[in-house]
Amino acid sequence: MLHGAQADALVLCHEIGRPHIRHLPHCQLPSISATIEANLAAAKLTNPNAALAGISLNTSALNKEEAKALCADWQETYNVPVTDPVRFGIQSIASYLNANF
């Protein structure tokens, strides 16, 4: 799908606390860094300028304060907007996309 889309910007989606790929309990999820790296590598096969533009998290397993702290930490680590769209909205990612793509 990434190849056909030739995406300019990727927004990674992740559920905090999910231990494995859905319906595949023997397949643990890779780290977020590995997930970003793999998706960017795939996207760059057809668009060498593809870039990470945000991370959308499902933080329902965390309380609100933990969720805010995690989003802030990951935003600093990955240098892109990070949010739980249900709890905090998507404005930060939308603004980043409008400003950079």
Protein backbone atom coordinates (compact mmCIF):
# COMPACT_ATOMS: atom_id res chain seq x y z
CA MET A 1 0.00 0.00 0.00
CA LEU A 2 2.82 2.43 0.79
CA HIS A 3 4.41 1.85 -2.60
CA GLY A 4 1.24 2.55 -4.54
CA ALA A 5 0.39 5.59 -2.46
CA GLN A 6 3.86 7.08 -2.87
CA ALA A 7 3.24 8.91 0.38
CA ASP A 8 4.98 12.18 1.16
CA ALA A 9 4.06 12.04 4.84
CA LEU A 10 3.45 9.14 7.21
CA VAL A 11 1.45 9.27 10.43
CA LEU A 12 2.19 6.20 12.52
CA CYS A 13 -0.73 4.78 14.52
CA HIS A 14 -0.12 2.72 17.66
CA GLU A 15 -2.07 1.38 20.62
CA ILE A 16 -0.20 1.72 23.90
CA GLY A 17 -0.15 -1.52 25.85
CA ARG A 18 -0.92 -3.84 22.94
CA PRO A 19 1.39 -6.83 23.48
CA HIS A 20 1.14 -8.44 20.04
CA ILE A 21 -0.26 -8.15 16.55
CA ARG A 22 -4.03 -8.56 16.70
CA HIS A 23 -5.08 -12.22 16.37
CA LEU A 24 -1.41 -13.29 16.30
CA PRO A 25 -0.41 -13.70 19.95
CA HIS A 26 2.89 -15.30 18.93
CA CYS A 27 3.94 -12.10 17.05
CA GLN A 28 5.11 -9.41 19.45
CA LEU A 29 4.97 -5.83 18.24
CA PRO A 30 8.29 -4.30 17.20
CA SER A 31 9.53 -1.20 19.00
CA ILE A 32 8.18 2.15 17.85
CA SER A 33 11.61 3.07 16.50
CA ALA A 34 11.76 -0.16 14.47
CA THR A 35 8.22 0.42 13.20
CA ILE A 36 9.06 3.95 12.07
CA GLU A 37 12.26 2.75 10.40
CA ALA A 38 10.53 -0.11 8.55
CA ASN A 39 7.64 2.05 7.32
CA LEU A 40 9.92 4.85 6.16
CA ALA A 41 12.17 2.35 4.38
CA ALA A 42 9.15 0.91 2.55
CA ALA A 43 7.78 4.36 1.67
CA LYS A 44 11.15 5.58 0.40
CA LEU A 45 11.35 2.79 -2.17
CA THR A 46 8.97 4.79 -4.37
CA ASN A 47 9.30 8.26 -2.80
CA PRO A 48 12.78 9.01 -1.45
CA ASN A 49 11.44 12.17 0.21
CA ALA A 50 8.84 10.41 2.37
CA ALA A 51 9.02 11.51 6.00
CA LEU A 52 7.40 10.87 9.35
CA ALA A 53 4.82 13.60 10.01
CA GLY A 54 3.26 12.49 13.28
CA ILE A 55 2.32 9.72 15.65
CA SER A 56 -1.29 8.99 16.56
CA LEU A 57 -1.68 7.03 19.78
CA ASN A 58 -4.52 5.13 21.39
CA THR A 59 -3.70 5.83 25.04
CA SER A 60 -6.88 4.38 26.53
CA ALA A 61 -4.77 2.06 28.72
CA LEU A 62 -3.25 5.12 30.44
CA ASN A 63 -4.72 7.83 32.62
CA LYS A 64 -4.85 11.33 31.16
CA GLU A 65 -1.68 12.56 32.86
CA GLU A 66 0.31 9.50 31.74
CA ALA A 67 -1.00 9.94 28.21
CA LYS A 68 0.02 13.61 28.09
CA ALA A 69 3.48 12.77 29.43
CA LEU A 70 3.98 9.97 26.91
CA CYS A 71 2.89 12.17 24.01
CA ALA A 72 5.30 14.91 25.13
CA ASP A 73 8.15 12.42 25.56
CA TRP A 74 7.65 10.84 22.14
CA GLN A 75 7.25 14.25 20.52
CA GLU A 76 10.66 15.24 21.87
CA THR A 77 12.19 11.88 20.89
CA TYR A 78 10.84 11.71 17.33
CA ASN A 79 10.61 15.45 16.60
CA VAL A 80 7.07 15.23 15.18
CA PRO A 81 3.65 15.90 16.74
CA VAL A 82 2.35 13.06 18.89
CA THR A 83 -1.25 12.94 20.11
CA ASP A 84 -4.13 10.74 21.10
CA PRO A 85 -6.76 12.04 18.66
CA VAL A 86 -9.68 10.92 20.84
CA ARG A 87 -8.38 12.61 23.98
CA PHE A 88 -6.42 15.56 22.62
CA GLY A 89 -7.52 16.09 19.01
CA ILE A 90 -5.48 16.10 15.81
CA GLN A 91 -4.74 19.79 15.42
CA SER A 92 -1.01 19.38 16.13
CA ILE A 93 -0.59 16.81 13.35
CA ALA A 94 -2.84 18.73 10.93
CA SER A 95 -0.86 21.93 11.54
CA TYR A 96 2.44 20.10 11.03
CA LEU A 97 1.20 18.60 7.76
CA ASN A 98 -0.02 21.99 6.51
CA ALA A 99 3.27 23.66 7.42
CA ASN A 100 5.61 20.99 6.05
CA PHE A 101 3.92 19.16 3.16
